[in-house]
PDB file of N, CA and C in Angstrom:
ATOM      1  N   MET A   1     -16.943  50.478 -45.297  1.00  0.00           N
ATOM      2  CA  MET A   1     -15.712  49.754 -45.326  1.00  0.00           C
ATOM      3  C   MET A   1     -15.622  48.811 -44.123  1.00  0.00           C
ATOM      4  N   ARG A   2     -15.938  49.337 -42.964  1.00  0.00           N
ATOM      5  CA  ARG A   2     -15.873  48.544 -41.752  1.00  0.00           C
ATOM      6  C   ARG A   2     -16.948  47.456 -41.747  1.00  0.00           C
ATOM      7  N   ALA A   3     -18.123  47.730 -42.243  1.00  0.00           N
ATOM      8  CA  ALA A   3     -19.220  46.770 -42.282  1.00  0.00           C
ATOM      9  C   ALA A   3     -18.865  45.595 -43.177  1.00  0.00           C
ATOM     10  N   SER A   4     -18.206  45.852 -44.284  1.00  0.00           N
ATOM     11  CA  SER A   4     -17.849  44.759 -45.185  1.00  0.00           C
ATOM     12  C   SER A   4     -16.803  43.846 -44.542  1.00  0.00           C
ATOM     13  N   LEU A   5     -15.909  44.414 -43.756  1.00  0.00           N
ATOM     14  CA  LEU A   5     -14.909  43.611 -43.061  1.00  0.00           C
ATOM     15  C   LEU A   5     -15.567  42.702 -42.029  1.00  0.00           C
ATOM     16  N   VAL A   6     -16.545  43.244 -41.302  1.00  0.00           N
ATOM     17  CA  VAL A   6     -17.270  42.465 -40.306  1.00  0.00           C
ATOM     18  C   VAL A   6     -18.044  41.346 -40.988  1.00  0.00           C
ATOM     19  N   ILE A   7     -18.667  41.647 -42.106  1.00  0.00           N
ATOM     20  CA  ILE A   7     -19.442  40.631 -42.843  1.00  0.00           C
ATOM     21  C   ILE A   7     -18.504  39.541 -43.344  1.00  0.00           C
ATOM     22  N   LYS A   8     -17.341  39.906 -43.849  1.00  0.00           N
ATOM     23  CA  LYS A   8     -16.375  38.909 -44.333  1.00  0.00           C
ATOM     24  C   LYS A   8     -15.922  37.993 -43.188  1.00  0.00           C
ATOM     25  N   LEU A   9     -15.662  38.580 -42.024  1.00  0.00           N
ATOM     26  CA  LEU A   9     -15.252  37.776 -40.871  1.00  0.00           C
ATOM     27  C   LEU A   9     -16.351  36.811 -40.444  1.00  0.00           C
ATOM     28  N   ILE A  10     -17.592  37.283 -40.466  1.00  0.00           N
ATOM     29  CA  ILE A  10     -18.722  36.414 -40.103  1.00  0.00           C
ATOM     30  C   ILE A  10     -18.855  35.271 -41.089  1.00  0.00           C
ATOM     31  N   VAL A  11     -18.714  35.559 -42.374  1.00  0.00           N
ATOM     32  CA  VAL A  11     -18.822  34.512 -43.408  1.00  0.00           C
ATOM     33  C   VAL A  11     -17.706  33.493 -43.241  1.00  0.00           C
ATOM     34  N   VAL A  12     -16.484  33.954 -43.011  1.00  0.00           N
ATOM     35  CA  VAL A  12     -15.359  33.030 -42.830  1.00  0.00           C
ATOM     36  C   VAL A  12     -15.576  32.166 -41.591  1.00  0.00           C
ATOM     37  N   ALA A  13     -16.036  32.777 -40.504  1.00  0.00           N
ATOM     38  CA  ALA A  13     -16.295  32.017 -39.278  1.00  0.00           C
ATOM     39  C   ALA A  13     -17.385  30.982 -39.502  1.00  0.00           C
ATOM     40  N   ALA A  14     -18.423  31.328 -40.220  1.00  0.00           N
ATOM     41  CA  ALA A  14     -19.514  30.399 -40.503  1.00  0.00           C
ATOM     42  C   ALA A  14     -19.026  29.226 -41.344  1.00  0.00           C
ATOM     43  N   ILE A  15     -18.203  29.502 -42.339  1.00  0.00           N
ATOM     44  CA  ILE A  15     -17.672  28.434 -43.187  1.00  0.00           C
ATOM     45  C   ILE A  15     -16.793  27.491 -42.370  1.00  0.00           C
ATOM     46  N   LEU A  16     -15.938  28.053 -41.529  1.00  0.00           N
ATOM     47  CA  LEU A  16     -15.076  27.216 -40.693  1.00  0.00           C
ATOM     48  C   LEU A  16     -15.893  26.376 -39.706  1.00  0.00           C
ATOM     49  N   ALA A  17     -16.938  26.964 -39.152  1.00  0.00           N
ATOM     50  CA  ALA A  17     -17.776  26.240 -38.205  1.00  0.00           C
ATOM     51  C   ALA A  17     -18.490  25.085 -38.896  1.00  0.00           C
ATOM     52  N   CYS A  18     -19.037  25.333 -40.069  1.00  0.00           N
ATOM     53  CA  CYS A  18     -19.733  24.263 -40.808  1.00  0.00           C
ATOM     54  C   CYS A  18     -18.769  23.167 -41.231  1.00  0.00           C
ATOM     55  N   GLY A  19     -17.597  23.536 -41.637  1.00  0.00           N
ATOM     56  CA  GLY A  19     -16.592  22.553 -42.029  1.00  0.00           C
ATOM     57  C   GLY A  19     -16.164  21.700 -40.857  1.00  0.00           C
ATOM     58  N   GLY A  20     -16.023  22.304 -39.698  1.00  0.00           N
ATOM     59  CA  GLY A  20     -15.623  21.575 -38.493  1.00  0.00           C
ATOM     60  C   GLY A  20     -16.684  20.608 -38.033  1.00  0.00           C
ATOM     61  N   LEU A  21     -17.944  20.963 -38.193  1.00  0.00           N
ATOM     62  CA  LEU A  21     -19.028  20.080 -37.776  1.00  0.00           C
ATOM     63  C   LEU A  21     -19.133  18.854 -38.659  1.00  0.00           C
ATOM     64  N   GLY A  22     -18.971  19.029 -39.941  1.00  0.00           N
ATOM     65  CA  GLY A  22     -19.125  17.919 -40.880  1.00  0.00           C
ATOM     66  C   GLY A  22     -17.929  16.993 -40.901  1.00  0.00           C
ATOM     67  N   ALA A  23     -16.770  17.463 -40.540  1.00  0.00           N
ATOM     68  CA  ALA A  23     -15.557  16.663 -40.653  1.00  0.00           C
ATOM     69  C   ALA A  23     -15.490  15.548 -39.620  1.00  0.00           C
ATOM     70  N   GLY A  24     -16.001  15.757 -38.429  1.00  0.00           N
ATOM     71  CA  GLY A  24     -15.846  14.774 -37.369  1.00  0.00           C
ATOM     72  C   GLY A  24     -16.972  13.762 -37.270  1.00  0.00           C
ATOM     73  N   CYS A  25     -17.964  13.861 -38.067  1.00  0.00           N
ATOM     74  CA  CYS A  25     -19.141  12.990 -37.948  1.00  0.00           C
ATOM     75  C   CYS A  25     -18.980  11.734 -38.794  1.00  0.00           C
ATOM     76  N   THR A  26     -19.445  10.615 -38.266  1.00  0.00           N
ATOM     77  CA  THR A  26     -19.530   9.378 -39.031  1.00  0.00           C
ATOM     78  C   THR A  26     -20.965   8.913 -39.004  1.00  0.00           C
ATOM     79  N   LYS A  27     -21.264   7.944 -39.828  1.00  0.00           N
ATOM     80  CA  LYS A  27     -22.646   7.460 -39.903  1.00  0.00           C
ATOM     81  C   LYS A  27     -23.076   6.806 -38.600  1.00  0.00           C
ATOM     82  N   LYS A  28     -22.379   5.737 -38.224  1.00  0.00           N
ATOM     83  CA  LYS A  28     -22.719   4.998 -37.007  1.00  0.00           C
ATOM     84  C   LYS A  28     -21.435   4.523 -36.332  1.00  0.00           C
ATOM     85  N   PRO A  29     -21.495   4.306 -35.032  1.00  0.00           N
ATOM     86  CA  PRO A  29     -20.300   3.766 -34.369  1.00  0.00           C
ATOM     87  C   PRO A  29     -20.079   2.314 -34.789  1.00  0.00           C
ATOM     88  N   GLY A  30     -18.832   1.931 -34.863  1.00  0.00           N
ATOM     89  CA  GLY A  30     -18.495   0.566 -35.251  1.00  0.00           C
ATOM     90  C   GLY A  30     -18.673  -0.408 -34.108  1.00  0.00           C
ATOM     91  N   LYS A  31     -18.550  -1.698 -34.425  1.00  0.00           N
ATOM     92  CA  LYS A  31     -18.686  -2.738 -33.400  1.00  0.00           C
ATOM     93  C   LYS A  31     -17.618  -2.593 -32.325  1.00  0.00           C
ATOM     94  N   ASP A  32     -16.412  -2.230 -32.751  1.00  0.00           N
ATOM     95  CA  ASP A  32     -15.324  -2.023 -31.790  1.00  0.00           C
ATOM     96  C   ASP A  32     -15.670  -0.919 -30.806  1.00  0.00           C
ATOM     97  N   GLU A  33     -16.163   0.179 -31.326  1.00  0.00           N
ATOM     98  CA  GLU A  33     -16.517   1.310 -30.467  1.00  0.00           C
ATOM     99  C   GLU A  33     -17.657   0.948 -29.527  1.00  0.00           C
ATOM    100  N   LEU A  34     -18.632   0.195 -30.022  1.00  0.00           N
ATOM    101  CA  LEU A  34     -19.765  -0.214 -29.186  1.00  0.00           C
ATOM    102  C   LEU A  34     -19.318  -1.166 -28.080  1.00  0.00           C
ATOM    103  N   SER A  35     -18.426  -2.095 -28.417  1.00  0.00           N
ATOM    104  CA  SER A  35     -17.952  -3.029 -27.388  1.00  0.00           C
ATOM    105  C   SER A  35     -17.124  -2.294 -26.340  1.00  0.00           C
ATOM    106  N   LYS A  36     -16.305  -1.327 -26.761  1.00  0.00           N
ATOM    107  CA  LYS A  36     -15.532  -0.535 -25.803  1.00  0.00           C
ATOM    108  C   LYS A  36     -16.456   0.277 -24.910  1.00  0.00           C
ATOM    109  N   LEU A  37     -17.515   0.803 -25.499  1.00  0.00           N
ATOM    110  CA  LEU A  37     -18.488   1.572 -24.719  1.00  0.00           C
ATOM    111  C   LEU A  37     -19.168   0.680 -23.681  1.00  0.00           C
ATOM    112  N   ASP A  38     -19.558  -0.533 -24.100  1.00  0.00           N
ATOM    113  CA  ASP A  38     -20.183  -1.473 -23.162  1.00  0.00           C
ATOM    114  C   ASP A  38     -19.220  -1.861 -22.042  1.00  0.00           C
ATOM    115  N   GLU A  39     -17.961  -2.093 -22.392  1.00  0.00           N
ATOM    116  CA  GLU A  39     -16.965  -2.435 -21.377  1.00  0.00           C
ATOM    117  C   GLU A  39     -16.777  -1.284 -20.390  1.00  0.00           C
ATOM    118  N   SER A  40     -16.715  -0.092 -20.926  1.00  0.00           N
ATOM    119  CA  SER A  40     -16.549   1.083 -20.061  1.00  0.00           C
ATOM    120  C   SER A  40     -17.753   1.264 -19.150  1.00  0.00           C
ATOM    121  N   ARG A  41     -18.921   1.048 -19.699  1.00  0.00           N
ATOM    122  CA  ARG A  41     -20.154   1.191 -18.915  1.00  0.00           C
ATOM    123  C   ARG A  41     -20.195   0.164 -17.792  1.00  0.00           C
ATOM    124  N   SER A  42     -19.860  -1.089 -18.107  1.00  0.00           N
ATOM    125  CA  SER A  42     -19.899  -2.122 -17.075  1.00  0.00           C
ATOM    126  C   SER A  42     -18.816  -1.884 -16.022  1.00  0.00           C
ATOM    127  N   ALA A  43     -17.656  -1.385 -16.451  1.00  0.00           N
ATOM    128  CA  ALA A  43     -16.592  -1.074 -15.491  1.00  0.00           C
ATOM    129  C   ALA A  43     -17.036   0.063 -14.565  1.00  0.00           C
ATOM    130  N   ALA A  44     -17.710   1.053 -15.116  1.00  0.00           N
ATOM    131  CA  ALA A  44     -18.191   2.169 -14.294  1.00  0.00           C
ATOM    132  C   ALA A  44     -19.241   1.687 -13.295  1.00  0.00           C
ATOM    133  N   GLU A  45     -20.151   0.835 -13.732  1.00  0.00           N
ATOM    134  CA  GLU A  45     -21.182   0.298 -12.832  1.00  0.00           C
ATOM    135  C   GLU A  45     -20.548  -0.529 -11.725  1.00  0.00           C
ATOM    136  N   SER A  46     -19.554  -1.330 -12.090  1.00  0.00           N
ATOM    137  CA  SER A  46     -18.856  -2.150 -11.097  1.00  0.00           C
ATOM    138  C   SER A  46     -18.146  -1.271 -10.077  1.00  0.00           C
ATOM    139  N   ALA A  47     -17.511  -0.217 -10.545  1.00  0.00           N
ATOM    140  CA  ALA A  47     -16.809   0.693  -9.639  1.00  0.00           C
ATOM    141  C   ALA A  47     -17.794   1.397  -8.713  1.00  0.00           C
ATOM    142  N   GLU A  48     -18.961   1.757  -9.224  1.00  0.00           N
ATOM    143  CA  GLU A  48     -19.974   2.406  -8.390  1.00  0.00           C
ATOM    144  C   GLU A  48     -20.494   1.452  -7.313  1.00  0.00           C
ATOM    145  N   ARG A  49     -20.696   0.189  -7.681  1.00  0.00           N
ATOM    146  CA  ARG A  49     -21.136  -0.810  -6.696  1.00  0.00           C
ATOM    147  C   ARG A  49     -20.068  -0.990  -5.615  1.00  0.00           C
ATOM    148  N   LYS A  50     -18.820  -1.080  -6.027  1.00  0.00           N
ATOM    149  CA  LYS A  50     -17.721  -1.247  -5.075  1.00  0.00           C
ATOM    150  C   LYS A  50     -17.641  -0.043  -4.146  1.00  0.00           C
ATOM    151  N   LEU A  51     -17.826   1.152  -4.695  1.00  0.00           N
ATOM    152  CA  LEU A  51     -17.795   2.364  -3.878  1.00  0.00           C
ATOM    153  C   LEU A  51     -18.905   2.334  -2.842  1.00  0.00           C
ATOM    154  N   THR A  52     -20.093   1.927  -3.240  1.00  0.00           N
ATOM    155  CA  THR A  52     -21.219   1.838  -2.311  1.00  0.00           C
ATOM    156  C   THR A  52     -20.927   0.834  -1.204  1.00  0.00           C
ATOM    157  N   GLU A  53     -20.379  -0.319  -1.576  1.00  0.00           N
ATOM    158  CA  GLU A  53     -20.034  -1.341  -0.579  1.00  0.00           C
ATOM    159  C   GLU A  53     -18.990  -0.808   0.404  1.00  0.00           C
ATOM    160  N   LEU A  54     -17.986  -0.129  -0.119  1.00  0.00           N
ATOM    161  CA  LEU A  54     -16.932   0.391   0.752  1.00  0.00           C
ATOM    162  C   LEU A  54     -17.451   1.489   1.674  1.00  0.00           C
ATOM    163  N   LYS A  55     -18.350   2.301   1.180  1.00  0.00           N
ATOM    164  CA  LYS A  55     -18.950   3.336   2.038  1.00  0.00           C
ATOM    165  C   LYS A  55     -19.746   2.698   3.165  1.00  0.00           C
ATOM    166  N   GLN A  56     -20.494   1.633   2.856  1.00  0.00           N
ATOM    167  CA  GLN A  56     -21.265   0.935   3.888  1.00  0.00           C
ATOM    168  C   GLN A  56     -20.325   0.303   4.914  1.00  0.00           C
ATOM    169  N   GLU A  57     -19.238  -0.300   4.435  1.00  0.00           N
ATOM    170  CA  GLU A  57     -18.277  -0.919   5.347  1.00  0.00           C
ATOM    171  C   GLU A  57     -17.625   0.132   6.240  1.00  0.00           C
ATOM    172  N   ARG A  58     -17.296   1.278   5.656  1.00  0.00           N
ATOM    173  CA  ARG A  58     -16.696   2.351   6.450  1.00  0.00           C
ATOM    174  C   ARG A  58     -17.650   2.814   7.546  1.00  0.00           C
ATOM    175  N   THR A  59     -18.920   2.979   7.193  1.00  0.00           N
ATOM    176  CA  THR A  59     -19.915   3.394   8.186  1.00  0.00           C
ATOM    177  C   THR A  59     -20.006   2.373   9.307  1.00  0.00           C
ATOM    178  N   ARG A  60     -20.011   1.091   8.945  1.00  0.00           N
ATOM    179  CA  ARG A  60     -20.076   0.030   9.946  1.00  0.00           C
ATOM    180  C   ARG A  60     -18.843   0.049  10.847  1.00  0.00           C
ATOM    181  N   LEU A  61     -17.672   0.201  10.249  1.00  0.00           N
ATOM    182  CA  LEU A  61     -16.432   0.212  11.026  1.00  0.00           C
ATOM    183  C   LEU A  61     -16.357   1.434  11.940  1.00  0.00           C
ATOM    184  N   GLU A  62     -16.823   2.581  11.456  1.00  0.00           N
ATOM    185  CA  GLU A  62     -16.840   3.771  12.312  1.00  0.00           C
ATOM    186  C   GLU A  62     -17.783   3.576  13.494  1.00  0.00           C
ATOM    187  N   SER A  63     -18.905   2.902  13.250  1.00  0.00           N
ATOM    188  CA  SER A  63     -19.846   2.615  14.327  1.00  0.00           C
ATOM    189  C   SER A  63     -19.218   1.666  15.346  1.00  0.00           C
ATOM    190  N   ASP A  64     -18.548   0.627  14.847  1.00  0.00           N
ATOM    191  CA  ASP A  64     -17.853  -0.311  15.740  1.00  0.00           C
ATOM    192  C   ASP A  64     -16.788   0.406  16.564  1.00  0.00           C
ATOM    193  N   LEU A  65     -16.034   1.290  15.916  1.00  0.00           N
ATOM    194  CA  LEU A  65     -14.997   2.036  16.612  1.00  0.00           C
ATOM    195  C   LEU A  65     -15.606   2.894  17.723  1.00  0.00           C
ATOM    196  N   GLN A  66     -16.707   3.545  17.428  1.00  0.00           N
ATOM    197  CA  GLN A  66     -17.360   4.385  18.435  1.00  0.00           C
ATOM    198  C   GLN A  66     -17.831   3.541  19.620  1.00  0.00           C
ATOM    199  N   GLU A  67     -18.385   2.359  19.346  1.00  0.00           N
ATOM    200  CA  GLU A  67     -18.817   1.460  20.422  1.00  0.00           C
ATOM    201  C   GLU A  67     -17.623   1.041  21.279  1.00  0.00           C
ATOM    202  N   LYS A  68     -16.508   0.694  20.628  1.00  0.00           N
ATOM    203  CA  LYS A  68     -15.308   0.265  21.363  1.00  0.00           C
ATOM    204  C   LYS A  68     -14.753   1.412  22.206  1.00  0.00           C
ATOM    205  N   GLN A  69     -14.767   2.617  21.659  1.00  0.00           N
ATOM    206  CA  GLN A  69     -14.277   3.768  22.418  1.00  0.00           C
ATOM    207  C   GLN A  69     -15.163   4.031  23.629  1.00  0.00           C
ATOM    208  N   ASN A  70     -16.464   3.891  23.454  1.00  0.00           N
ATOM    209  CA  ASN A  70     -17.387   4.072  24.583  1.00  0.00           C
ATOM    210  C   ASN A  70     -17.153   3.009  25.656  1.00  0.00           C
ATOM    211  N   GLU A  71     -16.947   1.767  25.216  1.00  0.00           N
ATOM    212  CA  GLU A  71     -16.689   0.674  26.148  1.00  0.00           C
ATOM    213  C   GLU A  71     -15.371   0.908  26.891  1.00  0.00           C
ATOM    214  N   LEU A  72     -14.339   1.363  26.172  1.00  0.00           N
ATOM    215  CA  LEU A  72     -13.059   1.648  26.801  1.00  0.00           C
ATOM    216  C   LEU A  72     -13.206   2.748  27.849  1.00  0.00           C
ATOM    217  N   LYS A  73     -13.910   3.788  27.515  1.00  0.00           N
ATOM    218  CA  LYS A  73     -14.112   4.890  28.460  1.00  0.00           C
ATOM    219  C   LYS A  73     -14.839   4.407  29.712  1.00  0.00           C
ATOM    220  N   LYS A  74     -15.850   3.581  29.513  1.00  0.00           N
ATOM    221  CA  LYS A  74     -16.605   3.028  30.644  1.00  0.00           C
ATOM    222  C   LYS A  74     -15.697   2.181  31.526  1.00  0.00           C
ATOM    223  N   ASN A  75     -14.868   1.337  30.907  1.00  0.00           N
ATOM    224  CA  ASN A  75     -13.952   0.476  31.668  1.00  0.00           C
ATOM    225  C   ASN A  75     -12.881   1.292  32.392  1.00  0.00           C
ATOM    226  N   GLU A  76     -12.402   2.344  31.775  1.00  0.00           N
ATOM    227  CA  GLU A  76     -11.414   3.196  32.439  1.00  0.00           C
ATOM    228  C   GLU A  76     -12.024   3.902  33.642  1.00  0.00           C
ATOM    229  N   GLU A  77     -13.253   4.358  33.501  1.00  0.00           N
ATOM    230  CA  GLU A  77     -13.933   4.997  34.634  1.00  0.00           C
ATOM    231  C   GLU A  77     -14.134   4.002  35.770  1.00  0.00           C
ATOM    232  N   GLU A  78     -14.498   2.775  35.405  1.00  0.00           N
ATOM    233  CA  GLU A  78     -14.689   1.734  36.414  1.00  0.00           C
ATOM    234  C   GLU A  78     -13.357   1.434  37.115  1.00  0.00           C
ATOM    235  N   ARG A  79     -12.287   1.347  36.334  1.00  0.00           N
ATOM    236  CA  ARG A  79     -10.959   1.109  36.896  1.00  0.00           C
ATOM    237  C   ARG A  79     -10.566   2.234  37.855  1.00  0.00           C
ATOM    238  N   ASP A  80     -10.799   3.473  37.409  1.00  0.00           N
ATOM    239  CA  ASP A  80     -10.451   4.610  38.259  1.00  0.00           C
ATOM    240  C   ASP A  80     -11.257   4.651  39.546  1.00  0.00           C
ATOM    241  N   ASN A  81     -12.478   4.149  39.519  1.00  0.00           N
ATOM    242  CA  ASN A  81     -13.311   4.096  40.728  1.00  0.00           C
ATOM    243  C   ASN A  81     -12.861   2.970  41.670  1.00  0.00           C
ATOM    244  N   ILE A  82     -12.343   1.892  41.095  1.00  0.00           N
ATOM    245  CA  ILE A  82     -11.927   0.739  41.912  1.00  0.00           C
ATOM    246  C   ILE A  82     -10.557   0.955  42.526  1.00  0.00           C
ATOM    247  N   LYS A  83      -9.677   1.665  41.848  1.00  0.00           N
ATOM    248  CA  LYS A  83      -8.293   1.881  42.326  1.00  0.00           C
ATOM    249  C   LYS A  83      -8.245   2.423  43.753  1.00  0.00           C
ATOM    250  N   PRO A  84      -8.931   3.497  44.057  1.00  0.00           N
ATOM    251  CA  PRO A  84      -8.829   4.019  45.437  1.00  0.00           C
ATOM    252  C   PRO A  84      -9.337   3.035  46.481  1.00  0.00           C
ATOM    253  N   LYS A  85     -10.362   2.275  46.164  1.00  0.00           N
ATOM    254  CA  LYS A  85     -10.918   1.308  47.118  1.00  0.00           C
ATOM    255  C   LYS A  85      -9.953   0.159  47.353  1.00  0.00           C
ATOM    256  N   ALA A  86      -9.267  -0.260  46.314  1.00  0.00           N
ATOM    257  CA  ALA A  86      -8.323  -1.387  46.424  1.00  0.00           C
ATOM    258  C   ALA A  86      -7.062  -0.961  47.174  1.00  0.00           C
ATOM    259  N   GLY A  87      -6.696   0.281  47.077  1.00  0.00           N
ATOM    260  CA  GLY A  87      -5.483   0.773  47.733  1.00  0.00           C
ATOM    261  C   GLY A  87      -5.657   0.962  49.228  1.00  0.00           C
ATOM    262  N   LYS A  88      -6.855   1.015  49.750  1.00  0.00           N
ATOM    263  CA  LYS A  88      -7.112   1.286  51.173  1.00  0.00           C
ATOM    264  C   LYS A  88      -6.967   0.087  52.008  1.00  0.00           C
TER     265      LYS A  88
END
């Protein structure tokens, strides 16, 4: 009795699975779908290029900032060394 119930459930599940697979398929994508896909692909490539450019710019700006901070520290040390001599 229990085995027949399990077999019936398996058969029903198999039928539903096969029906679901066949229902959503089409022969080929249409021209509209292909053009949208091409547009999406080119937009993604453009966004990736922009991201790469921005990452490079960020790296450059961080390097510039580090150089400026080092220069500021050097100038402050020089100022601090000159202050006591100028005050005497």
